[in-house]
Amino acid sequence: MTQHPHELTAGEVRERFLEHVRGIVDYWEREARAESFRARLEGIAFSILVAIDGEAAALPSFVLAPRPHPDDEEFLRNRGESWYPTAPDVSCDIAGELHSLLFSGSDQ
């Protein structure tokens, strides 16, 4: 079935992002030039940040902003501590379940 061009849904964006991260893991698992396990871990972290920053050819940049619990400001203020600002709502927010979805749909 051919799908007509359309604005991607949050679910489609999420899946494209997760598929890219899965590809990063596969790449760094096989990267023979990495001299150590730590070099592979750093490669994975760097590659994910490159994708978020919009420097990966397959993805646009992504908004990365704090989303503290609604009670955090009052709680931290009462303790004399600093708190994170609340980011504005984003209509295509793909965060929230990425960690649980990363390998749930893969062959891992």
Protein backbone atom coordinates (compact mmCIF):
# COMPACT_ATOMS: atom_id res chain seq x y z
CA MET A 1 0.00 0.00 0.00
CA THR A 2 1.42 3.36 -1.04
CA GLN A 3 1.10 6.13 1.51
CA HIS A 4 0.49 9.67 0.33
CA PRO A 5 2.86 12.44 1.46
CA HIS A 6 1.76 13.84 4.81
CA GLU A 7 3.04 15.54 7.94
CA LEU A 8 4.48 12.81 10.11
CA THR A 9 2.58 11.98 13.28
CA ALA A 10 4.30 12.01 16.66
CA GLY A 11 4.31 8.21 16.53
CA GLU A 12 5.98 8.19 13.11
CA VAL A 13 8.58 10.74 14.25
CA ARG A 14 9.23 8.71 17.40
CA GLU A 15 9.72 5.52 15.39
CA ARG A 16 12.09 7.21 12.92
CA PHE A 17 14.15 8.59 15.80
CA LEU A 18 14.25 5.24 17.60
CA GLU A 19 15.17 3.42 14.38
CA HIS A 20 18.06 5.85 13.95
CA VAL A 21 19.24 5.20 17.53
CA ARG A 22 19.00 1.43 16.94
CA GLY A 23 21.18 1.92 13.86
CA ILE A 24 23.69 3.88 15.94
CA VAL A 25 23.92 0.99 18.41
CA ASP A 26 24.41 -1.50 15.57
CA TYR A 27 27.09 0.68 13.99
CA TRP A 28 29.10 1.14 17.18
CA GLU A 29 28.80 -2.55 18.09
CA ARG A 30 30.67 -3.35 14.87
CA GLU A 31 33.05 -0.36 14.70
CA ALA A 32 36.47 -2.00 14.67
CA ARG A 33 38.36 1.32 14.82
CA ALA A 34 37.08 1.98 18.35
CA GLU A 35 40.06 1.19 20.54
CA SER A 36 38.11 0.38 23.70
CA PHE A 37 34.69 -0.33 25.11
CA ARG A 38 34.63 3.24 26.42
CA ALA A 39 35.36 4.56 22.92
CA ARG A 40 32.29 2.69 21.65
CA LEU A 41 30.14 4.08 24.47
CA GLU A 42 31.40 7.60 23.74
CA GLY A 43 30.68 7.01 20.05
CA ILE A 44 27.09 6.04 20.81
CA ALA A 45 26.57 9.07 23.06
CA PHE A 46 28.16 11.42 20.53
CA SER A 47 26.12 9.98 17.65
CA ILE A 48 22.82 10.40 19.55
CA LEU A 49 23.70 14.01 20.37
CA VAL A 50 24.59 14.61 16.69
CA ALA A 51 21.12 13.33 15.76
CA ILE A 52 19.40 15.58 18.32
CA ASP A 53 21.43 18.55 17.09
CA GLY A 54 20.23 17.97 13.52
CA GLU A 55 23.57 16.96 12.04
CA ALA A 56 22.46 13.45 11.02
CA ALA A 57 21.37 13.35 7.39
CA ALA A 58 18.28 11.24 8.10
CA LEU A 59 16.73 13.43 10.82
CA PRO A 60 15.95 17.07 11.56
CA SER A 61 17.13 18.70 14.78
CA PHE A 62 15.02 18.08 17.87
CA VAL A 63 13.92 20.34 20.71
CA LEU A 64 15.52 19.27 23.98
CA ALA A 65 14.17 21.16 26.97
CA PRO A 66 13.50 20.48 30.65
CA ARG A 67 10.05 19.31 31.70
CA PRO A 68 10.10 19.21 35.49
CA HIS A 69 7.29 17.82 37.59
CA PRO A 70 4.69 20.53 38.30
CA ASP A 71 5.51 20.42 42.03
CA ASP A 72 9.29 20.74 41.61
CA GLU A 73 9.55 24.52 41.71
CA GLU A 74 7.64 24.91 44.97
CA PHE A 75 9.39 21.92 46.56
CA LEU A 76 12.87 23.13 45.63
CA ARG A 77 12.12 26.77 46.43
CA ASN A 78 11.00 25.70 49.94
CA ARG A 79 14.30 23.85 50.36
CA GLY A 80 16.27 26.89 49.24
CA GLU A 81 17.37 25.14 46.04
CA SER A 82 17.28 26.20 42.39
CA TRP A 83 14.79 24.65 39.96
CA TYR A 84 14.58 24.00 36.25
CA PRO A 85 12.45 26.24 34.04
CA THR A 86 9.39 24.70 32.43
CA ALA A 87 9.63 24.40 28.66
CA PRO A 88 6.69 25.41 26.48
CA ASP A 89 4.46 22.68 25.09
CA VAL A 90 5.55 21.22 21.77
CA SER A 91 2.92 19.72 19.49
CA CYS A 92 5.11 16.81 18.35
CA ASP A 93 6.79 15.81 21.59
CA ILE A 94 8.18 12.29 21.19
CA ALA A 95 9.70 12.01 24.67
CA GLY A 96 8.31 10.12 27.59
CA GLU A 97 8.58 6.48 26.59
CA LEU A 98 11.69 6.42 24.40
CA HIS A 99 13.66 4.33 26.90
CA SER A 100 11.00 1.61 27.04
CA LEU A 101 10.38 1.62 23.28
CA LEU A 102 14.00 1.59 22.09
CA PHE A 103 14.33 -2.17 21.73
CA SER A 104 10.74 -3.31 22.22
CA GLY A 105 10.12 -3.38 18.46
CA SER A 106 13.54 -4.64 17.43
CA ASP A 107 15.00 -8.12 16.99
CA GLN A 108 17.13 -7.69 20.11
